[in-house]
Amino acid sequence: MTHRTALPARLPSAALAAGLCAALAGLLPLPAQAQRWHLDYRVHVGGVAVLDARAELTLTEGRYSVQVNAATDGFLGRLFPWETQSLSVGTVRPDGVAPIRHTQSGVLRGSPRTVTLDYAADGSVRTQVSPPPEEEDRDPVPQDLTRQTRDPLSGVLEMLLAGLHGEGCQRTVPIYDGRRRYDMIFTDRGMTMVGTSRHSVFSGAARQCRVSHKPIAGYERTPRQAFWQRGGGREERPPVDLWIAPVEGAGPPLPVRLETDSGFGGVVVHLTAARKTDRTAERPAGTP
């Protein structure tokens, strides 16, 4: 049986992208004046910087917008050239978030990849994806499994809103990213200390959330030897630990550190910059 190597940045980029919207939780209740956060991150694998990511988070007037751009660099960029841009927009309701649209575009080894998810009021999801599942040796996710799901960014935001009501990180969120259907299982690990690092702008007490992945549908028929796994089965994907804490006094909690494992060594994501911009009340960019 042929084993292929998976996209090297898939798991941490997805987990990072999802974790980046943690900042939105601290912006509730909804402000009359929009707050926009610009966050920069650098990913190290085995102690070597391989990936840069930038996020822009906006929340105002019951609307949210989360945009994440990432690209490999260094030796990993030469071996596995990859870049991606993701955007999620939606509304914040008393019972959680309601995604309106999620888009993702990128290039993997010179081949463009796109996803567009449009959400209806009844919880159904209209999917446009390129390349189609048939070209990737995968079965399409059945439509009934996509109902009432969240894209990765909106899913973490919903978990964080629940945390504001005393539930911490403890939550299971159904995720559909346009290709795969899986559950993100969040476990609250309590408050821990993040040590000082020359790579990060943060050190101090932070809440640790462990994120596990439960595959359900839409995975490739031919098993992959994924970059992030030491074994060959997708169920063996290691958990991700995410630390969240304010970086500006009484400001919102931001994702300040992320750790996981890979076949090339430990993966650590550092917060390298955080900037806030107050704006007059307006809908986040990209919302209808």
C-alpha atoms as a PDB file:
ATOM      1  CA  MET A   1       0.000   0.000   0.000  1.00  0.00           C
ATOM      2  CA  THR A   2       1.307   3.431  -0.924  1.00  0.00           C
ATOM      3  CA  HIS A   3       1.807   5.922   1.911  1.00  0.00           C
ATOM      4  CA  ARG A   4       1.923   9.611   1.163  1.00  0.00           C
ATOM      5  CA  THR A   5       3.147  12.518   3.225  1.00  0.00           C
ATOM      6  CA  ALA A   6       0.436  14.928   4.322  1.00  0.00           C
ATOM      7  CA  LEU A   7       0.555  18.707   4.145  1.00  0.00           C
ATOM      8  CA  PRO A   8       3.080  19.587   6.847  1.00  0.00           C
ATOM      9  CA  ALA A   9       1.299  22.660   8.155  1.00  0.00           C
ATOM     10  CA  ARG A  10      -2.223  21.189   8.255  1.00  0.00           C
ATOM     11  CA  LEU A  11      -2.754  20.402  11.915  1.00  0.00           C
ATOM     12  CA  PRO A  12      -0.993  23.314  13.595  1.00  0.00           C
ATOM     13  CA  SER A  13      -2.296  25.794  11.066  1.00  0.00           C
ATOM     14  CA  ALA A  14      -5.845  24.620  11.642  1.00  0.00           C
ATOM     15  CA  ALA A  15      -5.398  24.552  15.375  1.00  0.00           C
ATOM     16  CA  LEU A  16      -3.607  27.903  15.306  1.00  0.00           C
ATOM     17  CA  ALA A  17      -6.207  29.468  13.097  1.00  0.00           C
ATOM     18  CA  ALA A  18      -8.947  28.219  15.382  1.00  0.00           C
ATOM     19  CA  GLY A  19      -7.094  29.265  18.502  1.00  0.00           C
ATOM     20  CA  LEU A  20      -6.454  32.767  17.216  1.00  0.00           C
ATOM     21  CA  CYS A  21     -10.113  33.716  17.612  1.00  0.00           C
ATOM     22  CA  ALA A  22      -9.727  33.304  21.356  1.00  0.00           C
ATOM     23  CA  ALA A  23      -9.175  37.044  21.456  1.00  0.00           C
ATOM     24  CA  LEU A  24     -12.779  37.613  20.466  1.00  0.00           C
ATOM     25  CA  ALA A  25     -14.046  36.134  23.715  1.00  0.00           C
ATOM     26  CA  GLY A  26     -12.542  38.983  25.678  1.00  0.00           C
ATOM     27  CA  LEU A  27     -14.390  41.551  23.585  1.00  0.00           C
ATOM     28  CA  LEU A  28     -17.796  40.524  24.937  1.00  0.00           C
ATOM     29  CA  PRO A  29     -20.249  41.965  25.762  1.00  0.00           C
ATOM     30  CA  LEU A  30     -20.399  43.498  22.315  1.00  0.00           C
ATOM     31  CA  PRO A  31     -18.791  46.956  22.294  1.00  0.00           C
ATOM     32  CA  ALA A  32     -20.374  50.052  20.795  1.00  0.00           C
ATOM     33  CA  GLN A  33     -16.947  50.752  19.342  1.00  0.00           C
ATOM     34  CA  ALA A  34     -15.332  48.008  17.306  1.00  0.00           C
ATOM     35  CA  GLN A  35     -12.079  46.533  18.530  1.00  0.00           C
ATOM     36  CA  ARG A  36      -9.648  45.051  16.041  1.00  0.00           C
ATOM     37  CA  TRP A  37      -6.663  42.965  17.078  1.00  0.00           C
ATOM     38  CA  HIS A  38      -3.655  42.250  14.869  1.00  0.00           C
ATOM     39  CA  LEU A  39      -1.706  39.190  16.055  1.00  0.00           C
ATOM     40  CA  ASP A  40       1.566  37.768  14.738  1.00  0.00           C
ATOM     41  CA  TYR A  41       2.764  34.218  15.397  1.00  0.00           C
ATOM     42  CA  ARG A  42       5.806  32.146  14.507  1.00  0.00           C
ATOM     43  CA  VAL A  43       5.822  28.348  14.403  1.00  0.00           C
ATOM     44  CA  HIS A  44       8.945  26.373  15.374  1.00  0.00           C
ATOM     45  CA  VAL A  45       9.413  22.666  14.588  1.00  0.00           C
ATOM     46  CA  GLY A  46      12.279  20.959  16.358  1.00  0.00           C
ATOM     47  CA  GLY A  47      13.540  24.407  17.373  1.00  0.00           C
ATOM     48  CA  VAL A  48      13.584  25.756  13.791  1.00  0.00           C
ATOM     49  CA  ALA A  49      11.223  28.521  12.594  1.00  0.00           C
ATOM     50  CA  VAL A  50       9.175  27.177   9.682  1.00  0.00           C
ATOM     51  CA  LEU A  51       5.867  29.041   9.545  1.00  0.00           C
ATOM     52  CA  ASP A  52       4.577  32.595  10.049  1.00  0.00           C
ATOM     53  CA  ALA A  53       0.922  33.431  10.681  1.00  0.00           C
ATOM     54  CA  ARG A  54      -0.957  36.713  11.038  1.00  0.00           C
ATOM     55  CA  ALA A  55      -4.502  37.149  12.347  1.00  0.00           C
ATOM     56  CA  GLU A  56      -6.951  40.032  12.318  1.00  0.00           C
ATOM     57  CA  LEU A  57      -9.891  39.801  14.705  1.00  0.00           C
ATOM     58  CA  THR A  58     -12.872  42.162  14.760  1.00  0.00           C
ATOM     59  CA  LEU A  59     -16.103  42.125  16.744  1.00  0.00           C
ATOM     60  CA  THR A  60     -18.861  44.745  16.878  1.00  0.00           C
ATOM     61  CA  GLU A  61     -22.642  45.134  16.764  1.00  0.00           C
ATOM     62  CA  GLY A  62     -23.282  41.400  17.075  1.00  0.00           C
ATOM     63  CA  ARG A  63     -20.958  40.507  14.199  1.00  0.00           C
ATOM     64  CA  TYR A  64     -17.587  38.806  14.189  1.00  0.00           C
ATOM     65  CA  SER A  65     -14.816  38.489  11.651  1.00  0.00           C
ATOM     66  CA  VAL A  66     -11.688  36.353  11.910  1.00  0.00           C
ATOM     67  CA  GLN A  67      -9.016  36.438   9.205  1.00  0.00           C
ATOM     68  CA  VAL A  68      -5.848  34.320   9.275  1.00  0.00           C
ATOM     69  CA  ASN A  69      -2.972  34.267   6.765  1.00  0.00           C
ATOM     70  CA  ALA A  70      -0.110  31.761   7.042  1.00  0.00           C
ATOM     71  CA  ALA A  71       2.788  30.501   4.935  1.00  0.00           C
ATOM     72  CA  THR A  72       5.732  28.155   5.375  1.00  0.00           C
ATOM     73  CA  ASP A  73       9.241  29.556   5.227  1.00  0.00           C
ATOM     74  CA  GLY A  74      12.805  28.370   5.769  1.00  0.00           C
ATOM     75  CA  PHE A  75      13.690  24.735   5.051  1.00  0.00           C
ATOM     76  CA  LEU A  76      10.045  23.631   5.360  1.00  0.00           C
ATOM     77  CA  GLY A  77       9.005  26.245   2.831  1.00  0.00           C
ATOM     78  CA  ARG A  78      11.509  24.800   0.390  1.00  0.00           C
ATOM     79  CA  LEU A  79      10.421  21.203   1.011  1.00  0.00           C
ATOM     80  CA  PHE A  80       6.681  21.870   1.315  1.00  0.00           C
ATOM     81  CA  PRO A  81       5.770  25.280  -0.162  1.00  0.00           C
ATOM     82  CA  TRP A  82       2.372  26.148   1.264  1.00  0.00           C
ATOM     83  CA  GLU A  83       0.299  29.231   2.012  1.00  0.00           C
ATOM     84  CA  THR A  84      -3.297  29.826   3.069  1.00  0.00           C
ATOM     85  CA  GLN A  85      -5.771  32.631   3.757  1.00  0.00           C
ATOM     86  CA  SER A  86      -8.912  31.988   5.832  1.00  0.00           C
ATOM     87  CA  LEU A  87     -11.848  34.251   6.671  1.00  0.00           C
ATOM     88  CA  SER A  88     -14.910  33.537   8.823  1.00  0.00           C
ATOM     89  CA  VAL A  89     -17.774  35.972   9.379  1.00  0.00           C
ATOM     90  CA  GLY A  90     -21.005  35.553  11.291  1.00  0.00           C
ATOM     91  CA  THR A  91     -23.229  36.775  14.088  1.00  0.00           C
ATOM     92  CA  VAL A  92     -23.053  36.404  17.871  1.00  0.00           C
ATOM     93  CA  ARG A  93     -26.314  35.336  19.502  1.00  0.00           C
ATOM     94  CA  PRO A  94     -27.273  34.589  23.120  1.00  0.00           C
ATOM     95  CA  ASP A  95     -27.052  30.856  22.385  1.00  0.00           C
ATOM     96  CA  GLY A  96     -23.696  31.009  20.592  1.00  0.00           C
ATOM     97  CA  VAL A  97     -22.318  31.942  17.175  1.00  0.00           C
ATOM     98  CA  ALA A  98     -24.044  31.646  13.823  1.00  0.00           C
ATOM     99  CA  PRO A  99     -21.572  31.483  10.919  1.00  0.00           C
ATOM    100  CA  ILE A 100     -22.586  33.249   7.720  1.00  0.00           C
ATOM    101  CA  ARG A 101     -19.663  32.460   5.438  1.00  0.00           C
ATOM    102  CA  HIS A 102     -16.248  30.819   5.656  1.00  0.00           C
ATOM    103  CA  THR A 103     -13.676  31.014   2.865  1.00  0.00           C
ATOM    104  CA  GLN A 104     -10.226  29.520   2.550  1.00  0.00           C
ATOM    105  CA  SER A 105      -7.786  29.753  -0.323  1.00  0.00           C
ATOM    106  CA  GLY A 106      -4.219  28.605  -0.638  1.00  0.00           C
ATOM    107  CA  VAL A 107      -1.518  26.944  -2.671  1.00  0.00           C
ATOM    108  CA  LEU A 108      -0.001  23.537  -1.933  1.00  0.00           C
ATOM    109  CA  ARG A 109       3.065  22.569  -3.991  1.00  0.00           C
ATOM    110  CA  GLY A 110       1.952  24.938  -6.746  1.00  0.00           C
ATOM    111  CA  SER A 111      -1.672  23.722  -6.850  1.00  0.00           C
ATOM    112  CA  PRO A 112      -4.460  26.140  -5.815  1.00  0.00           C
ATOM    113  CA  ARG A 113      -7.034  24.979  -3.256  1.00  0.00           C
ATOM    114  CA  THR A 114     -10.236  26.783  -2.296  1.00  0.00           C
ATOM    115  CA  VAL A 115     -13.195  26.277   0.042  1.00  0.00           C
ATOM    116  CA  THR A 116     -16.366  28.353   0.408  1.00  0.00           C
ATOM    117  CA  LEU A 117     -19.007  27.494   3.012  1.00  0.00           C
ATOM    118  CA  ASP A 118     -22.325  29.369   3.081  1.00  0.00           C
ATOM    119  CA  TYR A 119     -24.617  28.804   6.065  1.00  0.00           C
ATOM    120  CA  ALA A 120     -28.429  28.867   5.907  1.00  0.00           C
ATOM    121  CA  ALA A 121     -30.751  29.740   8.783  1.00  0.00           C
ATOM    122  CA  ASP A 122     -31.828  26.090   9.142  1.00  0.00           C
ATOM    123  CA  GLY A 123     -28.241  24.948   9.834  1.00  0.00           C
ATOM    124  CA  SER A 124     -27.547  23.548   6.371  1.00  0.00           C
ATOM    125  CA  VAL A 125     -24.242  24.300   4.641  1.00  0.00           C
ATOM    126  CA  ARG A 126     -23.668  24.937   0.931  1.00  0.00           C
ATOM    127  CA  THR A 127     -20.162  23.829  -0.043  1.00  0.00           C
ATOM    128  CA  GLN A 128     -17.931  24.826  -2.937  1.00  0.00           C
ATOM    129  CA  VAL A 129     -14.537  23.132  -2.900  1.00  0.00           C
ATOM    130  CA  SER A 130     -11.679  22.846  -5.382  1.00  0.00           C
ATOM    131  CA  PRO A 131     -10.189  20.404  -6.140  1.00  0.00           C
ATOM    132  CA  PRO A 132     -13.281  18.179  -5.710  1.00  0.00           C
ATOM    133  CA  PRO A 133     -13.148  15.170  -3.338  1.00  0.00           C
ATOM    134  CA  GLU A 134     -12.878  12.675  -6.220  1.00  0.00           C
ATOM    135  CA  GLU A 135      -9.514  14.146  -7.205  1.00  0.00           C
ATOM    136  CA  GLU A 136      -8.159  13.729  -3.676  1.00  0.00           C
ATOM    137  CA  ASP A 137      -9.052  10.077  -3.122  1.00  0.00           C
ATOM    138  CA  ARG A 138     -11.722  10.994  -0.567  1.00  0.00           C
ATOM    139  CA  ASP A 139     -15.484  10.600  -0.253  1.00  0.00           C
ATOM    140  CA  PRO A 140     -17.602  13.758   0.048  1.00  0.00           C
ATOM    141  CA  VAL A 141     -18.986  14.368   3.518  1.00  0.00           C
ATOM    142  CA  PRO A 142     -22.708  13.418   3.554  1.00  0.00           C
ATOM    143  CA  GLN A 143     -24.886  16.506   3.733  1.00  0.00           C
ATOM    144  CA  ASP A 144     -26.663  15.355   6.876  1.00  0.00           C
ATOM    145  CA  LEU A 145     -23.300  15.308   8.701  1.00  0.00           C
ATOM    146  CA  THR A 146     -22.622  18.953   7.827  1.00  0.00           C
ATOM    147  CA  ARG A 147     -25.798  20.359   9.397  1.00  0.00           C
ATOM    148  CA  GLN A 148     -25.363  22.458  12.544  1.00  0.00           C
ATOM    149  CA  THR A 149     -21.554  22.365  12.213  1.00  0.00           C
ATOM    150  CA  ARG A 150     -19.043  25.177  12.528  1.00  0.00           C
ATOM    151  CA  ASP A 151     -16.004  26.098  10.503  1.00  0.00           C
ATOM    152  CA  PRO A 152     -12.799  25.811  12.594  1.00  0.00           C
ATOM    153  CA  LEU A 153     -12.612  29.525  13.446  1.00  0.00           C
ATOM    154  CA  SER A 154     -16.267  29.886  14.411  1.00  0.00           C
ATOM    155  CA  GLY A 155     -16.158  26.608  16.319  1.00  0.00           C
ATOM    156  CA  VAL A 156     -13.477  27.779  18.712  1.00  0.00           C
ATOM    157  CA  LEU A 157     -15.212  31.109  19.172  1.00  0.00           C
ATOM    158  CA  GLU A 158     -18.384  29.271  20.196  1.00  0.00           C
ATOM    159  CA  MET A 159     -16.406  27.255  22.750  1.00  0.00           C
ATOM    160  CA  LEU A 160     -14.922  30.442  24.165  1.00  0.00           C
ATOM    161  CA  LEU A 161     -18.306  32.112  24.507  1.00  0.00           C
ATOM    162  CA  ALA A 162     -19.466  29.094  26.515  1.00  0.00           C
ATOM    163  CA  GLY A 163     -16.349  29.499  28.651  1.00  0.00           C
ATOM    164  CA  LEU A 164     -17.470  32.992  29.584  1.00  0.00           C
ATOM    165  CA  HIS A 165     -20.411  31.337  31.356  1.00  0.00           C
ATOM    166  CA  GLY A 166     -18.145  29.307  33.622  1.00  0.00           C
ATOM    167  CA  GLU A 167     -17.597  26.215  31.462  1.00  0.00           C
ATOM    168  CA  GLY A 168     -13.897  26.887  30.846  1.00  0.00           C
ATOM    169  CA  CYS A 169     -12.476  25.067  27.846  1.00  0.00           C
ATOM    170  CA  GLN A 170     -14.604  21.945  28.379  1.00  0.00           C
ATOM    171  CA  ARG A 171     -16.588  21.450  25.181  1.00  0.00           C
ATOM    172  CA  THR A 172     -16.994  19.311  22.046  1.00  0.00           C
ATOM    173  CA  VAL A 173     -17.580  21.255  18.822  1.00  0.00           C
ATOM    174  CA  PRO A 174     -18.694  19.662  15.499  1.00  0.00           C
ATOM    175  CA  ILE A 175     -16.415  20.978  12.739  1.00  0.00           C
ATOM    176  CA  TYR A 176     -16.779  20.859   8.964  1.00  0.00           C
ATOM    177  CA  ASP A 177     -13.969  22.519   7.020  1.00  0.00           C
ATOM    178  CA  GLY A 178     -15.308  21.836   3.519  1.00  0.00           C
ATOM    179  CA  ARG A 179     -13.367  18.586   3.112  1.00  0.00           C
ATOM    180  CA  ARG A 180     -13.416  16.834   6.472  1.00  0.00           C
ATOM    181  CA  ARG A 181     -15.981  16.413   9.213  1.00  0.00           C
ATOM    182  CA  TYR A 182     -14.506  15.990  12.692  1.00  0.00           C
ATOM    183  CA  ASP A 183     -15.070  16.925  16.306  1.00  0.00           C
ATOM    184  CA  MET A 184     -12.750  19.261  18.196  1.00  0.00           C
ATOM    185  CA  ILE A 185     -12.739  18.114  21.809  1.00  0.00           C
ATOM    186  CA  PHE A 186     -11.573  20.806  24.241  1.00  0.00           C
ATOM    187  CA  THR A 187     -10.433  19.881  27.749  1.00  0.00           C
ATOM    188  CA  ASP A 188      -9.741  22.493  30.419  1.00  0.00           C
ATOM    189  CA  ARG A 189      -6.322  21.911  32.025  1.00  0.00           C
ATOM    190  CA  GLY A 190      -6.514  24.839  34.452  1.00  0.00           C
ATOM    191  CA  MET A 191      -4.163  27.771  34.975  1.00  0.00           C
ATOM    192  CA  THR A 192      -0.445  27.182  34.328  1.00  0.00           C
ATOM    193  CA  MET A 193       2.646  29.323  33.864  1.00  0.00           C
ATOM    194  CA  VAL A 194       4.109  30.176  30.468  1.00  0.00           C
ATOM    195  CA  GLY A 195       7.844  30.729  30.833  1.00  0.00           C
ATOM    196  CA  THR A 196       9.848  33.617  29.456  1.00  0.00           C
ATOM    197  CA  SER A 197      11.114  33.109  25.891  1.00  0.00           C
ATOM    198  CA  ARG A 198      13.089  35.362  23.563  1.00  0.00           C
ATOM    199  CA  HIS A 199      10.672  34.237  20.827  1.00  0.00           C
ATOM    200  CA  SER A 200       7.516  35.483  22.567  1.00  0.00           C
ATOM    201  CA  VAL A 201       6.095  38.750  23.851  1.00  0.00           C
ATOM    202  CA  PHE A 202       4.239  36.932  26.651  1.00  0.00           C
ATOM    203  CA  SER A 203       5.140  35.184  29.874  1.00  0.00           C
ATOM    204  CA  GLY A 204       3.042  34.529  32.984  1.00  0.00           C
ATOM    205  CA  ALA A 205      -0.138  32.776  34.080  1.00  0.00           C
ATOM    206  CA  ALA A 206      -2.431  31.451  31.323  1.00  0.00           C
ATOM    207  CA  ARG A 207      -5.318  29.029  30.957  1.00  0.00           C
ATOM    208  CA  GLN A 208      -4.299  25.783  29.264  1.00  0.00           C
ATOM    209  CA  CYS A 209      -6.784  24.142  26.886  1.00  0.00           C
ATOM    210  CA  ARG A 210      -6.066  20.734  25.341  1.00  0.00           C
ATOM    211  CA  VAL A 211      -7.597  20.209  21.886  1.00  0.00           C
ATOM    212  CA  SER A 212      -8.126  16.668  20.581  1.00  0.00           C
ATOM    213  CA  HIS A 213      -9.318  15.615  17.141  1.00  0.00           C
ATOM    214  CA  LYS A 214     -11.973  12.952  16.445  1.00  0.00           C
ATOM    215  CA  PRO A 215     -12.259  12.118  12.706  1.00  0.00           C
ATOM    216  CA  ILE A 216     -15.762  11.377  11.396  1.00  0.00           C
ATOM    217  CA  ALA A 217     -15.950  11.644   7.586  1.00  0.00           C
ATOM    218  CA  GLY A 218     -14.274  13.009   4.462  1.00  0.00           C
ATOM    219  CA  TYR A 219     -10.796  11.553   4.995  1.00  0.00           C
ATOM    220  CA  GLU A 220      -8.671  10.114   2.199  1.00  0.00           C
ATOM    221  CA  ARG A 221      -9.133   6.427   1.433  1.00  0.00           C
ATOM    222  CA  THR A 222      -5.382   5.837   1.113  1.00  0.00           C
ATOM    223  CA  PRO A 223      -3.714   6.175   4.533  1.00  0.00           C
ATOM    224  CA  ARG A 224      -1.189   8.973   4.841  1.00  0.00           C
ATOM    225  CA  GLN A 225       1.918   9.115   6.963  1.00  0.00           C
ATOM    226  CA  ALA A 226       1.117  12.581   8.232  1.00  0.00           C
ATOM    227  CA  PHE A 227       3.914  14.974   9.108  1.00  0.00           C
ATOM    228  CA  TRP A 228       2.381  15.604  12.530  1.00  0.00           C
ATOM    229  CA  GLN A 229       1.999  11.922  13.461  1.00  0.00           C
ATOM    230  CA  ARG A 230       4.551   9.442  14.715  1.00  0.00           C
ATOM    231  CA  GLY A 231       2.240   6.580  13.717  1.00  0.00           C
ATOM    232  CA  GLY A 232       0.318   5.891  10.524  1.00  0.00           C
ATOM    233  CA  GLY A 233      -3.336   6.159  11.605  1.00  0.00           C
ATOM    234  CA  ARG A 234      -5.215   9.419  11.598  1.00  0.00           C
ATOM    235  CA  GLU A 235      -6.614   8.584  15.045  1.00  0.00           C
ATOM    236  CA  GLU A 236      -3.042   8.889  16.359  1.00  0.00           C
ATOM    237  CA  ARG A 237      -2.883  12.615  15.680  1.00  0.00           C
ATOM    238  CA  PRO A 238      -1.387  14.165  18.823  1.00  0.00           C
ATOM    239  CA  PRO A 239      -3.401  16.628  20.917  1.00  0.00           C
ATOM    240  CA  VAL A 240      -2.700  20.350  20.794  1.00  0.00           C
ATOM    241  CA  ASP A 241      -2.168  22.397  23.957  1.00  0.00           C
ATOM    242  CA  LEU A 242      -3.266  26.028  23.715  1.00  0.00           C
ATOM    243  CA  TRP A 243      -2.582  28.714  26.337  1.00  0.00           C
ATOM    244  CA  ILE A 244      -4.834  31.797  26.563  1.00  0.00           C
ATOM    245  CA  ALA A 245      -4.182  34.960  28.592  1.00  0.00           C
ATOM    246  CA  PRO A 246      -4.503  38.773  28.428  1.00  0.00           C
ATOM    247  CA  VAL A 247      -1.424  40.564  27.115  1.00  0.00           C
ATOM    248  CA  GLU A 248      -2.522  44.130  27.948  1.00  0.00           C
ATOM    249  CA  GLY A 249      -3.543  44.448  31.597  1.00  0.00           C
ATOM    250  CA  ALA A 250      -7.309  44.000  31.675  1.00  0.00           C
ATOM    251  CA  GLY A 251      -7.469  43.384  27.926  1.00  0.00           C
ATOM    252  CA  PRO A 252      -9.026  40.343  26.250  1.00  0.00           C
ATOM    253  CA  PRO A 253      -7.542  36.852  26.537  1.00  0.00           C
ATOM    254  CA  LEU A 254      -5.371  36.025  23.532  1.00  0.00           C
ATOM    255  CA  PRO A 255      -3.789  32.745  22.465  1.00  0.00           C
ATOM    256  CA  VAL A 256      -0.213  33.213  23.691  1.00  0.00           C
ATOM    257  CA  ARG A 257       1.309  29.787  23.069  1.00  0.00           C
ATOM    258  CA  LEU A 258       0.530  26.507  21.293  1.00  0.00           C
ATOM    259  CA  GLU A 259       2.338  23.166  21.522  1.00  0.00           C
ATOM    260  CA  THR A 260       1.965  19.807  19.805  1.00  0.00           C
ATOM    261  CA  ASP A 261       4.149  16.992  18.487  1.00  0.00           C
ATOM    262  CA  SER A 262       5.341  15.839  15.055  1.00  0.00           C
ATOM    263  CA  GLY A 263       7.574  13.304  13.433  1.00  0.00           C
ATOM    264  CA  PHE A 264      10.243  16.003  13.167  1.00  0.00           C
ATOM    265  CA  GLY A 265      10.077  17.011  16.817  1.00  0.00           C
ATOM    266  CA  GLY A 266       8.093  19.325  19.036  1.00  0.00           C
ATOM    267  CA  VAL A 267       5.954  22.066  17.498  1.00  0.00           C
ATOM    268  CA  VAL A 268       5.756  25.375  19.398  1.00  0.00           C
ATOM    269  CA  VAL A 269       3.801  28.454  18.302  1.00  0.00           C
ATOM    270  CA  HIS A 270       4.841  31.768  19.877  1.00  0.00           C
ATOM    271  CA  LEU A 271       2.939  35.056  19.986  1.00  0.00           C
ATOM    272  CA  THR A 272       5.430  37.559  18.578  1.00  0.00           C
ATOM    273  CA  ALA A 273       3.281  40.716  18.446  1.00  0.00           C
ATOM    274  CA  ALA A 274      -0.187  41.921  19.494  1.00  0.00           C
ATOM    275  CA  ARG A 275      -1.652  45.282  18.485  1.00  0.00           C
ATOM    276  CA  LYS A 276      -5.120  46.673  19.156  1.00  0.00           C
ATOM    277  CA  THR A 277      -7.003  49.250  17.075  1.00  0.00           C
ATOM    278  CA  ASP A 278     -10.231  50.857  18.304  1.00  0.00           C
ATOM    279  CA  ARG A 279     -12.586  51.760  15.491  1.00  0.00           C
ATOM    280  CA  THR A 280     -15.979  53.417  15.143  1.00  0.00           C
ATOM    281  CA  ALA A 281     -18.817  50.898  15.190  1.00  0.00           C
ATOM    282  CA  GLU A 282     -19.165  49.105  11.879  1.00  0.00           C
ATOM    283  CA  ARG A 283     -19.655  45.604  10.634  1.00  0.00           C
ATOM    284  CA  PRO A 284     -16.535  43.485  10.296  1.00  0.00           C
ATOM    285  CA  ALA A 285     -15.135  43.337   6.783  1.00  0.00           C
ATOM    286  CA  GLY A 286     -16.647  40.592   4.672  1.00  0.00           C
ATOM    287  CA  THR A 287     -20.054  40.434   6.367  1.00  0.00           C
ATOM    288  CA  PRO A 288     -23.172  40.875   4.282  1.00  0.00           C
END
